[in-house]
Amino acid sequence: NSHDGAISRVQEGGTGVLTFGQLAEQFDHMNSGQDVTGLGRFSFSRYIGENGISTWVVCGYQPCKSKGPSTSYQQQRRYFIQKKQPDVKPRDKFYEDLIAQLKKWREE
């Protein structure tokens, strides 16, 4: 989460994808990254193999509904409230955004 540092320097949640060894030769750094919100909900790496076939590796983190102020769920609630979207449910939005990203990749 690159938005919420007010509660604590420690933030729960987050994702990452590491690439090393021979697979690094197929790593497409220009088309790898994170979800567009910057909340650390999912990270992805693209690998280009033989005949230009792409494979995506995705690591996702969907928060559990929780009340503690430093939880990933509450971090995401604050983000959507600040974006004037107070009715957004972080668990539902995770699926919506991940499915939208998957559909985008299928169209490529």
PDB file of N, CA and C in Angstrom:
ATOM      1  N   ASN A   1       0.848  -1.163   0.000  1.00  0.00           N
ATOM      2  CA  ASN A   1       0.000   0.000   0.000  1.00  0.00           C
ATOM      3  C   ASN A   1       0.896   1.229   0.000  1.00  0.00           C
ATOM      4  N   SER A   2       0.813   1.987  -1.037  1.00  0.00           N
ATOM      5  CA  SER A   2       1.653   3.174  -1.156  1.00  0.00           C
ATOM      6  C   SER A   2       0.919   4.450  -0.745  1.00  0.00           C
ATOM      7  N   HIS A   3      -0.260   4.317  -0.116  1.00  0.00           N
ATOM      8  CA  HIS A   3      -1.078   5.482   0.208  1.00  0.00           C
ATOM      9  C   HIS A   3      -1.229   5.746   1.691  1.00  0.00           C
ATOM     10  N   ASP A   4      -1.137   4.737   2.528  1.00  0.00           N
ATOM     11  CA  ASP A   4      -1.549   4.855   3.921  1.00  0.00           C
ATOM     12  C   ASP A   4      -0.380   4.649   4.868  1.00  0.00           C
ATOM     13  N   GLY A   5       0.184   5.733   5.338  1.00  0.00           N
ATOM     14  CA  GLY A   5       1.264   5.626   6.301  1.00  0.00           C
ATOM     15  C   GLY A   5       0.919   6.324   7.602  1.00  0.00           C
ATOM     16  N   ALA A   6      -0.313   6.797   7.734  1.00  0.00           N
ATOM     17  CA  ALA A   6      -0.707   7.595   8.891  1.00  0.00           C
ATOM     18  C   ALA A   6      -0.854   6.772  10.170  1.00  0.00           C
ATOM     19  N   ILE A   7      -1.282   5.537  10.074  1.00  0.00           N
ATOM     20  CA  ILE A   7      -1.566   4.732  11.252  1.00  0.00           C
ATOM     21  C   ILE A   7      -0.289   4.140  11.835  1.00  0.00           C
ATOM     22  N   SER A   8       0.558   3.602  10.978  1.00  0.00           N
ATOM     23  CA  SER A   8       1.760   2.914  11.446  1.00  0.00           C
ATOM     24  C   SER A   8       2.756   2.788  10.307  1.00  0.00           C
ATOM     25  N   ARG A   9       4.019   2.633  10.664  1.00  0.00           N
ATOM     26  CA  ARG A   9       5.025   2.378   9.631  1.00  0.00           C
ATOM     27  C   ARG A   9       4.913   0.944   9.130  1.00  0.00           C
ATOM     28  N   VAL A  10       4.282   0.087   9.900  1.00  0.00           N
ATOM     29  CA  VAL A  10       4.084  -1.316   9.527  1.00  0.00           C
ATOM     30  C   VAL A  10       2.706  -1.449   8.895  1.00  0.00           C
ATOM     31  N   GLN A  11       2.658  -2.092   7.740  1.00  0.00           N
ATOM     32  CA  GLN A  11       1.379  -2.293   7.072  1.00  0.00           C
ATOM     33  C   GLN A  11       1.169  -3.783   6.827  1.00  0.00           C
ATOM     34  N   GLU A  12      -0.015  -4.244   7.175  1.00  0.00           N
ATOM     35  CA  GLU A  12      -0.357  -5.635   6.917  1.00  0.00           C
ATOM     36  C   GLU A  12      -0.741  -5.806   5.456  1.00  0.00           C
ATOM     37  N   GLY A  13      -0.590  -7.043   4.945  1.00  0.00           N
ATOM     38  CA  GLY A  13      -0.965  -7.335   3.565  1.00  0.00           C
ATOM     39  C   GLY A  13       0.177  -7.066   2.615  1.00  0.00           C
ATOM     40  N   GLY A  14      -0.152  -7.031   1.351  1.00  0.00           N
ATOM     41  CA  GLY A  14       0.846  -6.777   0.312  1.00  0.00           C
ATOM     42  C   GLY A  14       1.233  -8.041  -0.428  1.00  0.00           C
ATOM     43  N   THR A  15       1.760  -7.872  -1.629  1.00  0.00           N
ATOM     44  CA  THR A  15       2.123  -9.009  -2.480  1.00  0.00           C
ATOM     45  C   THR A  15       3.423  -8.729  -3.202  1.00  0.00           C
ATOM     46  N   GLY A  16       3.978  -9.765  -3.771  1.00  0.00           N
ATOM     47  CA  GLY A  16       5.185  -9.620  -4.574  1.00  0.00           C
ATOM     48  C   GLY A  16       5.432 -10.876  -5.390  1.00  0.00           C
ATOM     49  N   VAL A  17       6.121 -10.731  -6.493  1.00  0.00           N
ATOM     50  CA  VAL A  17       6.513 -11.848  -7.353  1.00  0.00           C
ATOM     51  C   VAL A  17       8.006 -11.695  -7.620  1.00  0.00           C
ATOM     52  N   LEU A  18       8.756 -12.741  -7.338  1.00  0.00           N
ATOM     53  CA  LEU A  18      10.203 -12.731  -7.579  1.00  0.00           C
ATOM     54  C   LEU A  18      10.539 -13.600  -8.783  1.00  0.00           C
ATOM     55  N   THR A  19      11.528 -13.190  -9.531  1.00  0.00           N
ATOM     56  CA  THR A  19      11.985 -13.958 -10.687  1.00  0.00           C
ATOM     57  C   THR A  19      13.497 -14.060 -10.623  1.00  0.00           C
ATOM     58  N   PHE A  20      14.007 -15.283 -10.775  1.00  0.00           N
ATOM     59  CA  PHE A  20      15.458 -15.460 -10.785  1.00  0.00           C
ATOM     60  C   PHE A  20      15.812 -16.709 -11.573  1.00  0.00           C
ATOM     61  N   GLY A  21      17.080 -16.906 -11.792  1.00  0.00           N
ATOM     62  CA  GLY A  21      17.549 -18.064 -12.553  1.00  0.00           C
ATOM     63  C   GLY A  21      17.254 -17.928 -14.034  1.00  0.00           C
ATOM     64  N   GLN A  22      17.087 -19.062 -14.693  1.00  0.00           N
ATOM     65  CA  GLN A  22      16.856 -19.070 -16.142  1.00  0.00           C
ATOM     66  C   GLN A  22      15.563 -18.365 -16.540  1.00  0.00           C
ATOM     67  N   LEU A  23      14.587 -18.369 -15.650  1.00  0.00           N
ATOM     68  CA  LEU A  23      13.312 -17.715 -15.962  1.00  0.00           C
ATOM     69  C   LEU A  23      13.485 -16.209 -16.169  1.00  0.00           C
ATOM     70  N   ALA A  24      14.505 -15.634 -15.567  1.00  0.00           N
ATOM     71  CA  ALA A  24      14.742 -14.195 -15.705  1.00  0.00           C
ATOM     72  C   ALA A  24      14.967 -13.788 -17.163  1.00  0.00           C
ATOM     73  N   GLU A  25      15.439 -14.713 -17.996  1.00  0.00           N
ATOM     74  CA  GLU A  25      15.657 -14.417 -19.407  1.00  0.00           C
ATOM     75  C   GLU A  25      14.342 -14.168 -20.139  1.00  0.00           C
ATOM     76  N   GLN A  26      13.243 -14.715 -19.627  1.00  0.00           N
ATOM     77  CA  GLN A  26      11.937 -14.563 -20.269  1.00  0.00           C
ATOM     78  C   GLN A  26      11.065 -13.505 -19.599  1.00  0.00           C
ATOM     79  N   PHE A  27      11.575 -12.900 -18.550  1.00  0.00           N
ATOM     80  CA  PHE A  27      10.832 -11.904 -17.786  1.00  0.00           C
ATOM     81  C   PHE A  27      10.626 -10.632 -18.596  1.00  0.00           C
ATOM     82  N   ASP A  28       9.384 -10.171 -18.670  1.00  0.00           N
ATOM     83  CA  ASP A  28       9.023  -8.948 -19.390  1.00  0.00           C
ATOM     84  C   ASP A  28       8.761  -7.844 -18.361  1.00  0.00           C
ATOM     85  N   HIS A  29       9.801  -7.117 -18.003  1.00  0.00           N
ATOM     86  CA  HIS A  29       9.664  -6.116 -16.942  1.00  0.00           C
ATOM     87  C   HIS A  29       8.753  -4.946 -17.334  1.00  0.00           C
ATOM     88  N   MET A  30       8.604  -4.692 -18.605  1.00  0.00           N
ATOM     89  CA  MET A  30       7.750  -3.587 -19.051  1.00  0.00           C
ATOM     90  C   MET A  30       6.263  -3.875 -18.840  1.00  0.00           C
ATOM     91  N   ASN A  31       5.897  -5.144 -18.772  1.00  0.00           N
ATOM     92  CA  ASN A  31       4.497  -5.525 -18.612  1.00  0.00           C
ATOM     93  C   ASN A  31       4.269  -6.308 -17.335  1.00  0.00           C
ATOM     94  N   SER A  32       5.040  -6.013 -16.326  1.00  0.00           N
ATOM     95  CA  SER A  32       4.879  -6.613 -15.009  1.00  0.00           C
ATOM     96  C   SER A  32       4.642  -5.476 -14.029  1.00  0.00           C
ATOM     97  N   GLY A  33       3.994  -5.761 -12.907  1.00  0.00           N
ATOM     98  CA  GLY A  33       3.744  -4.681 -11.961  1.00  0.00           C
ATOM     99  C   GLY A  33       2.765  -5.049 -10.878  1.00  0.00           C
ATOM    100  N   GLN A  34       1.879  -4.090 -10.575  1.00  0.00           N
ATOM    101  CA  GLN A  34       0.925  -4.244  -9.493  1.00  0.00           C
ATOM    102  C   GLN A  34      -0.437  -3.711  -9.910  1.00  0.00           C
ATOM    103  N   ASP A  35      -1.435  -3.968  -9.048  1.00  0.00           N
ATOM    104  CA  ASP A  35      -2.771  -3.454  -9.360  1.00  0.00           C
ATOM    105  C   ASP A  35      -2.728  -1.927  -9.420  1.00  0.00           C
ATOM    106  N   VAL A  36      -3.620  -1.359 -10.199  1.00  0.00           N
ATOM    107  CA  VAL A  36      -3.570   0.076 -10.497  1.00  0.00           C
ATOM    108  C   VAL A  36      -3.807   0.966  -9.283  1.00  0.00           C
ATOM    109  N   THR A  37      -4.400   0.431  -8.221  1.00  0.00           N
ATOM    110  CA  THR A  37      -4.667   1.263  -7.046  1.00  0.00           C
ATOM    111  C   THR A  37      -3.421   1.518  -6.213  1.00  0.00           C
ATOM    112  N   GLY A  38      -2.409   0.663  -6.322  1.00  0.00           N
ATOM    113  CA  GLY A  38      -1.225   0.793  -5.480  1.00  0.00           C
ATOM    114  C   GLY A  38      -1.450   0.295  -4.067  1.00  0.00           C
ATOM    115  N   LEU A  39      -2.528  -0.472  -3.856  1.00  0.00           N
ATOM    116  CA  LEU A  39      -2.849  -0.983  -2.530  1.00  0.00           C
ATOM    117  C   LEU A  39      -2.143  -2.299  -2.195  1.00  0.00           C
ATOM    118  N   GLY A  40      -1.404  -2.856  -3.123  1.00  0.00           N
ATOM    119  CA  GLY A  40      -0.716  -4.117  -2.860  1.00  0.00           C
ATOM    120  C   GLY A  40      -1.647  -5.312  -2.871  1.00  0.00           C
ATOM    121  N   ARG A  41      -2.764  -5.210  -3.577  1.00  0.00           N
ATOM    122  CA  ARG A  41      -3.736  -6.307  -3.618  1.00  0.00           C
ATOM    123  C   ARG A  41      -3.284  -7.443  -4.511  1.00  0.00           C
ATOM    124  N   PHE A  42      -2.643  -7.103  -5.628  1.00  0.00           N
ATOM    125  CA  PHE A  42      -2.040  -8.150  -6.451  1.00  0.00           C
ATOM    126  C   PHE A  42      -0.853  -7.601  -7.226  1.00  0.00           C
ATOM    127  N   SER A  43       0.107  -8.486  -7.431  1.00  0.00           N
ATOM    128  CA  SER A  43       1.312  -8.203  -8.218  1.00  0.00           C
ATOM    129  C   SER A  43       1.345  -9.215  -9.348  1.00  0.00           C
ATOM    130  N   PHE A  44       2.004  -8.853 -10.442  1.00  0.00           N
ATOM    131  CA  PHE A  44       2.044  -9.789 -11.562  1.00  0.00           C
ATOM    132  C   PHE A  44       3.334  -9.649 -12.338  1.00  0.00           C
ATOM    133  N   SER A  45       3.727 -10.766 -12.921  1.00  0.00           N
ATOM    134  CA  SER A  45       4.894 -10.803 -13.803  1.00  0.00           C
ATOM    135  C   SER A  45       4.506 -11.499 -15.087  1.00  0.00           C
ATOM    136  N   ARG A  46       5.010 -10.973 -16.181  1.00  0.00           N
ATOM    137  CA  ARG A  46       4.756 -11.570 -17.487  1.00  0.00           C
ATOM    138  C   ARG A  46       6.058 -12.195 -17.983  1.00  0.00           C
ATOM    139  N   TYR A  47       5.916 -13.388 -18.551  1.00  0.00           N
ATOM    140  CA  TYR A  47       7.052 -14.104 -19.127  1.00  0.00           C
ATOM    141  C   TYR A  47       6.718 -14.429 -20.570  1.00  0.00           C
ATOM    142  N   ILE A  48       7.667 -14.215 -21.456  1.00  0.00           N
ATOM    143  CA  ILE A  48       7.451 -14.482 -22.873  1.00  0.00           C
ATOM    144  C   ILE A  48       8.311 -15.678 -23.256  1.00  0.00           C
ATOM    145  N   GLY A  49       7.633 -16.730 -23.698  1.00  0.00           N
ATOM    146  CA  GLY A  49       8.332 -17.960 -24.051  1.00  0.00           C
ATOM    147  C   GLY A  49       8.455 -18.145 -25.547  1.00  0.00           C
ATOM    148  N   GLU A  50       8.598 -19.400 -25.928  1.00  0.00           N
ATOM    149  CA  GLU A  50       8.748 -19.744 -27.347  1.00  0.00           C
ATOM    150  C   GLU A  50       7.540 -19.275 -28.139  1.00  0.00           C
ATOM    151  N   ASN A  51       7.794 -18.873 -29.361  1.00  0.00           N
ATOM    152  CA  ASN A  51       6.754 -18.409 -30.281  1.00  0.00           C
ATOM    153  C   ASN A  51       5.983 -17.205 -29.738  1.00  0.00           C
ATOM    154  N   GLY A  52       6.581 -16.471 -28.807  1.00  0.00           N
ATOM    155  CA  GLY A  52       5.945 -15.270 -28.272  1.00  0.00           C
ATOM    156  C   GLY A  52       4.774 -15.523 -27.344  1.00  0.00           C
ATOM    157  N   ILE A  53       4.629 -16.750 -26.869  1.00  0.00           N
ATOM    158  CA  ILE A  53       3.509 -17.071 -25.976  1.00  0.00           C
ATOM    159  C   ILE A  53       3.787 -16.490 -24.596  1.00  0.00           C
ATOM    160  N   SER A  54       2.803 -15.754 -24.071  1.00  0.00           N
ATOM    161  CA  SER A  54       2.949 -15.102 -22.769  1.00  0.00           C
ATOM    162  C   SER A  54       2.310 -15.923 -21.667  1.00  0.00           C
ATOM    163  N   THR A  55       2.970 -15.909 -20.527  1.00  0.00           N
ATOM    164  CA  THR A  55       2.435 -16.519 -19.309  1.00  0.00           C
ATOM    165  C   THR A  55       2.491 -15.453 -18.220  1.00  0.00           C
ATOM    166  N   TRP A  56       1.388 -15.308 -17.506  1.00  0.00           N
ATOM    167  CA  TRP A  56       1.314 -14.344 -16.420  1.00  0.00           C
ATOM    168  C   TRP A  56       1.322 -15.100 -15.094  1.00  0.00           C
ATOM    169  N   VAL A  57       2.090 -14.623 -14.155  1.00  0.00           N
ATOM    170  CA  VAL A  57       2.087 -15.158 -12.793  1.00  0.00           C
ATOM    171  C   VAL A  57       1.541 -14.050 -11.902  1.00  0.00           C
ATOM    172  N   VAL A  58       0.496 -14.381 -11.146  1.00  0.00           N
ATOM    173  CA  VAL A  58      -0.175 -13.385 -10.315  1.00  0.00           C
ATOM    174  C   VAL A  58      -0.151 -13.838  -8.861  1.00  0.00           C
ATOM    175  N   CYS A  59       0.175 -12.919  -7.988  1.00  0.00           N
ATOM    176  CA  CYS A  59       0.112 -13.161  -6.551  1.00  0.00           C
ATOM    177  C   CYS A  59      -0.900 -12.171  -5.994  1.00  0.00           C
ATOM    178  N   GLY A  60      -1.967 -12.683  -5.389  1.00  0.00           N
ATOM    179  CA  GLY A  60      -3.013 -11.806  -4.881  1.00  0.00           C
ATOM    180  C   GLY A  60      -3.223 -11.934  -3.392  1.00  0.00           C
ATOM    181  N   TYR A  61      -3.730 -10.871  -2.807  1.00  0.00           N
ATOM    182  CA  TYR A  61      -4.039 -10.837  -1.371  1.00  0.00           C
ATOM    183  C   TYR A  61      -5.380 -10.155  -1.199  1.00  0.00           C
ATOM    184  N   GLN A  62      -6.394 -10.956  -0.855  1.00  0.00           N
ATOM    185  CA  GLN A  62      -7.709 -10.394  -0.591  1.00  0.00           C
ATOM    186  C   GLN A  62      -7.872 -10.304   0.924  1.00  0.00           C
ATOM    187  N   PRO A  63      -8.086  -9.115   1.460  1.00  0.00           N
ATOM    188  CA  PRO A  63      -8.148  -8.982   2.917  1.00  0.00           C
ATOM    189  C   PRO A  63      -9.415  -9.582   3.510  1.00  0.00           C
ATOM    190  N   CYS A  64      -9.274 -10.086   4.717  1.00  0.00           N
ATOM    191  CA  CYS A  64     -10.436 -10.535   5.489  1.00  0.00           C
ATOM    192  C   CYS A  64     -11.094  -9.300   6.089  1.00  0.00           C
ATOM    193  N   LYS A  65     -12.403  -9.347   6.243  1.00  0.00           N
ATOM    194  CA  LYS A  65     -13.096  -8.218   6.866  1.00  0.00           C
ATOM    195  C   LYS A  65     -12.642  -8.147   8.322  1.00  0.00           C
ATOM    196  N   SER A  66     -12.108  -7.007   8.708  1.00  0.00           N
ATOM    197  CA  SER A  66     -11.585  -6.848  10.065  1.00  0.00           C
ATOM    198  C   SER A  66     -11.715  -5.395  10.499  1.00  0.00           C
ATOM    199  N   LYS A  67     -11.582  -5.171  11.819  1.00  0.00           N
ATOM    200  CA  LYS A  67     -11.837  -3.837  12.363  1.00  0.00           C
ATOM    201  C   LYS A  67     -10.598  -3.099  12.852  1.00  0.00           C
ATOM    202  N   GLY A  68      -9.497  -3.769  13.094  1.00  0.00           N
ATOM    203  CA  GLY A  68      -8.299  -3.088  13.591  1.00  0.00           C
ATOM    204  C   GLY A  68      -7.841  -2.013  12.617  1.00  0.00           C
ATOM    205  N   PRO A  69      -7.380  -0.859  13.095  1.00  0.00           N
ATOM    206  CA  PRO A  69      -7.047   0.264  12.205  1.00  0.00           C
ATOM    207  C   PRO A  69      -5.884  -0.014  11.247  1.00  0.00           C
ATOM    208  N   SER A  70      -4.992  -0.933  11.593  1.00  0.00           N
ATOM    209  CA  SER A  70      -3.833  -1.177  10.722  1.00  0.00           C
ATOM    210  C   SER A  70      -4.034  -2.363   9.782  1.00  0.00           C
ATOM    211  N   THR A  71      -5.204  -3.001   9.834  1.00  0.00           N
ATOM    212  CA  THR A  71      -5.419  -4.161   8.974  1.00  0.00           C
ATOM    213  C   THR A  71      -5.496  -3.754   7.508  1.00  0.00           C
ATOM    214  N   SER A  72      -5.189  -4.675   6.651  1.00  0.00           N
ATOM    215  CA  SER A  72      -5.248  -4.418   5.210  1.00  0.00           C
ATOM    216  C   SER A  72      -6.659  -3.998   4.794  1.00  0.00           C
ATOM    217  N   TYR A  73      -7.654  -4.646   5.371  1.00  0.00           N
ATOM    218  CA  TYR A  73      -9.044  -4.316   5.039  1.00  0.00           C
ATOM    219  C   TYR A  73      -9.330  -2.844   5.349  1.00  0.00           C
ATOM    220  N   GLN A  74      -8.943  -2.381   6.532  1.00  0.00           N
ATOM    221  CA  GLN A  74      -9.209  -0.993   6.914  1.00  0.00           C
ATOM    222  C   GLN A  74      -8.364  -0.006   6.118  1.00  0.00           C
ATOM    223  N   GLN A  75      -7.148  -0.386   5.758  1.00  0.00           N
ATOM    224  CA  GLN A  75      -6.329   0.459   4.890  1.00  0.00           C
ATOM    225  C   GLN A  75      -7.060   0.697   3.569  1.00  0.00           C
ATOM    226  N   GLN A  76      -7.619  -0.386   3.021  1.00  0.00           N
ATOM    227  CA  GLN A  76      -8.318  -0.270   1.744  1.00  0.00           C
ATOM    228  C   GLN A  76      -9.618   0.509   1.894  1.00  0.00           C
ATOM    229  N   ARG A  77     -10.330   0.339   3.006  1.00  0.00           N
ATOM    230  CA  ARG A  77     -11.550   1.119   3.243  1.00  0.00           C
ATOM    231  C   ARG A  77     -11.212   2.615   3.238  1.00  0.00           C
ATOM    232  N   ARG A  78     -10.134   2.990   3.952  1.00  0.00           N
ATOM    233  CA  ARG A  78      -9.750   4.405   3.989  1.00  0.00           C
ATOM    234  C   ARG A  78      -9.420   4.933   2.594  1.00  0.00           C
ATOM    235  N   TYR A  79      -8.730   4.109   1.809  1.00  0.00           N
ATOM    236  CA  TYR A  79      -8.374   4.518   0.443  1.00  0.00           C
ATOM    237  C   TYR A  79      -9.635   4.833  -0.364  1.00  0.00           C
ATOM    238  N   PHE A  80     -10.617   3.929  -0.345  1.00  0.00           N
ATOM    239  CA  PHE A  80     -11.819   4.136  -1.149  1.00  0.00           C
ATOM    240  C   PHE A  80     -12.661   5.293  -0.616  1.00  0.00           C
ATOM    241  N   ILE A  81     -12.664   5.494   0.686  1.00  0.00           N
ATOM    242  CA  ILE A  81     -13.376   6.645   1.254  1.00  0.00           C
ATOM    243  C   ILE A  81     -12.713   7.937   0.773  1.00  0.00           C
ATOM    244  N   GLN A  82     -11.389   7.985   0.778  1.00  0.00           N
ATOM    245  CA  GLN A  82     -10.675   9.168   0.295  1.00  0.00           C
ATOM    246  C   GLN A  82     -10.925   9.419  -1.188  1.00  0.00           C
ATOM    247  N   LYS A  83     -11.188   8.344  -1.943  1.00  0.00           N
ATOM    248  CA  LYS A  83     -11.472   8.457  -3.375  1.00  0.00           C
ATOM    249  C   LYS A  83     -12.952   8.729  -3.637  1.00  0.00           C
ATOM    250  N   LYS A  84     -13.676   9.082  -2.573  1.00  0.00           N
ATOM    251  CA  LYS A  84     -15.109   9.397  -2.676  1.00  0.00           C
ATOM    252  C   LYS A  84     -15.925   8.195  -3.133  1.00  0.00           C
ATOM    253  N   GLN A  85     -15.520   7.016  -2.682  1.00  0.00           N
ATOM    254  CA  GLN A  85     -16.231   5.771  -2.973  1.00  0.00           C
ATOM    255  C   GLN A  85     -16.498   5.024  -1.664  1.00  0.00           C
ATOM    256  N   PRO A  86     -17.260   5.636  -0.737  1.00  0.00           N
ATOM    257  CA  PRO A  86     -17.431   5.050   0.595  1.00  0.00           C
ATOM    258  C   PRO A  86     -18.194   3.728   0.628  1.00  0.00           C
ATOM    259  N   ASP A  87     -18.933   3.413  -0.412  1.00  0.00           N
ATOM    260  CA  ASP A  87     -19.715   2.174  -0.423  1.00  0.00           C
ATOM    261  C   ASP A  87     -18.950   0.977  -0.977  1.00  0.00           C
ATOM    262  N   VAL A  88     -17.721   1.193  -1.438  1.00  0.00           N
ATOM    263  CA  VAL A  88     -16.923   0.102  -1.998  1.00  0.00           C
ATOM    264  C   VAL A  88     -16.534  -0.872  -0.885  1.00  0.00           C
ATOM    265  N   LYS A  89     -16.748  -2.151  -1.162  1.00  0.00           N
ATOM    266  CA  LYS A  89     -16.345  -3.205  -0.229  1.00  0.00           C
ATOM    267  C   LYS A  89     -15.020  -3.776  -0.733  1.00  0.00           C
ATOM    268  N   PRO A  90     -13.945  -3.659   0.059  1.00  0.00           N
ATOM    269  CA  PRO A  90     -12.632  -4.090  -0.415  1.00  0.00           C
ATOM    270  C   PRO A  90     -12.578  -5.530  -0.931  1.00  0.00           C
ATOM    271  N   ARG A  91     -13.285  -6.438  -0.288  1.00  0.00           N
ATOM    272  CA  ARG A  91     -13.248  -7.833  -0.750  1.00  0.00           C
ATOM    273  C   ARG A  91     -13.886  -7.974  -2.132  1.00  0.00           C
ATOM    274  N   ASP A  92     -15.002  -7.304  -2.359  1.00  0.00           N
ATOM    275  CA  ASP A  92     -15.663  -7.350  -3.670  1.00  0.00           C
ATOM    276  C   ASP A  92     -14.827  -6.637  -4.727  1.00  0.00           C
ATOM    277  N   LYS A  93     -14.252  -5.496  -4.354  1.00  0.00           N
ATOM    278  CA  LYS A  93     -13.454  -4.704  -5.303  1.00  0.00           C
ATOM    279  C   LYS A  93     -12.203  -5.457  -5.740  1.00  0.00           C
ATOM    280  N   PHE A  94     -11.637  -6.252  -4.838  1.00  0.00           N
ATOM    281  CA  PHE A  94     -10.486  -7.088  -5.185  1.00  0.00           C
ATOM    282  C   PHE A  94     -10.844  -7.988  -6.366  1.00  0.00           C
ATOM    283  N   TYR A  95     -11.965  -8.708  -6.256  1.00  0.00           N
ATOM    284  CA  TYR A  95     -12.387  -9.595  -7.349  1.00  0.00           C
ATOM    285  C   TYR A  95     -12.702  -8.829  -8.623  1.00  0.00           C
ATOM    286  N   GLU A  96     -13.412  -7.725  -8.501  1.00  0.00           N
ATOM    287  CA  GLU A  96     -13.761  -6.937  -9.687  1.00  0.00           C
ATOM    288  C   GLU A  96     -12.517  -6.502 -10.451  1.00  0.00           C
ATOM    289  N   ASP A  97     -11.553  -5.966  -9.722  1.00  0.00           N
ATOM    290  CA  ASP A  97     -10.348  -5.448 -10.374  1.00  0.00           C
ATOM    291  C   ASP A  97      -9.457  -6.562 -10.911  1.00  0.00           C
ATOM    292  N   LEU A  98      -9.353  -7.666 -10.181  1.00  0.00           N
ATOM    293  CA  LEU A  98      -8.543  -8.786 -10.661  1.00  0.00           C
ATOM    294  C   LEU A  98      -9.165  -9.397 -11.915  1.00  0.00           C
ATOM    295  N   ILE A  99     -10.461  -9.579 -11.916  1.00  0.00           N
ATOM    296  CA  ILE A  99     -11.144 -10.136 -13.093  1.00  0.00           C
ATOM    297  C   ILE A  99     -10.996  -9.189 -14.286  1.00  0.00           C
ATOM    298  N   ALA A 100     -11.102  -7.889 -14.051  1.00  0.00           N
ATOM    299  CA  ALA A 100     -10.915  -6.915 -15.141  1.00  0.00           C
ATOM    300  C   ALA A 100      -9.509  -7.024 -15.715  1.00  0.00           C
ATOM    301  N   GLN A 101      -8.499  -7.199 -14.855  1.00  0.00           N
ATOM    302  CA  GLN A 101      -7.124  -7.336 -15.322  1.00  0.00           C
ATOM    303  C   GLN A 101      -6.945  -8.623 -16.123  1.00  0.00           C
ATOM    304  N   LEU A 102      -7.521  -9.710 -15.637  1.00  0.00           N
ATOM    305  CA  LEU A 102      -7.416 -10.992 -16.351  1.00  0.00           C
ATOM    306  C   LEU A 102      -8.058 -10.893 -17.739  1.00  0.00           C
ATOM    307  N   LYS A 103      -9.214 -10.243 -17.816  1.00  0.00           N
ATOM    308  CA  LYS A 103      -9.887 -10.066 -19.108  1.00  0.00           C
ATOM    309  C   LYS A 103      -9.029  -9.226 -20.054  1.00  0.00           C
ATOM    310  N   LYS A 104      -8.392  -8.206 -19.535  1.00  0.00           N
ATOM    311  CA  LYS A 104      -7.509  -7.364 -20.350  1.00  0.00           C
ATOM    312  C   LYS A 104      -6.371  -8.200 -20.953  1.00  0.00           C
ATOM    313  N   TRP A 105      -5.766  -9.050 -20.142  1.00  0.00           N
ATOM    314  CA  TRP A 105      -4.686  -9.907 -20.635  1.00  0.00           C
ATOM    315  C   TRP A 105      -5.177 -10.874 -21.691  1.00  0.00           C
ATOM    316  N   ARG A 106      -6.365 -11.406 -21.527  1.00  0.00           N
ATOM    317  CA  ARG A 106      -6.904 -12.359 -22.512  1.00  0.00           C
ATOM    318  C   ARG A 106      -7.113 -11.699 -23.861  1.00  0.00           C
ATOM    319  N   GLU A 107      -7.400 -10.417 -23.866  1.00  0.00           N
ATOM    320  CA  GLU A 107      -7.640  -9.681 -25.115  1.00  0.00           C
ATOM    321  C   GLU A 107      -6.344  -9.392 -25.864  1.00  0.00           C
ATOM    322  N   GLU A 108      -5.207  -9.460 -25.177  1.00  0.00           N
ATOM    323  CA  GLU A 108      -3.918  -9.144 -25.812  1.00  0.00           C
ATOM    324  C   GLU A 108      -3.460 -10.260 -26.727  1.00  0.00           C
TER     325      GLU A 108
END
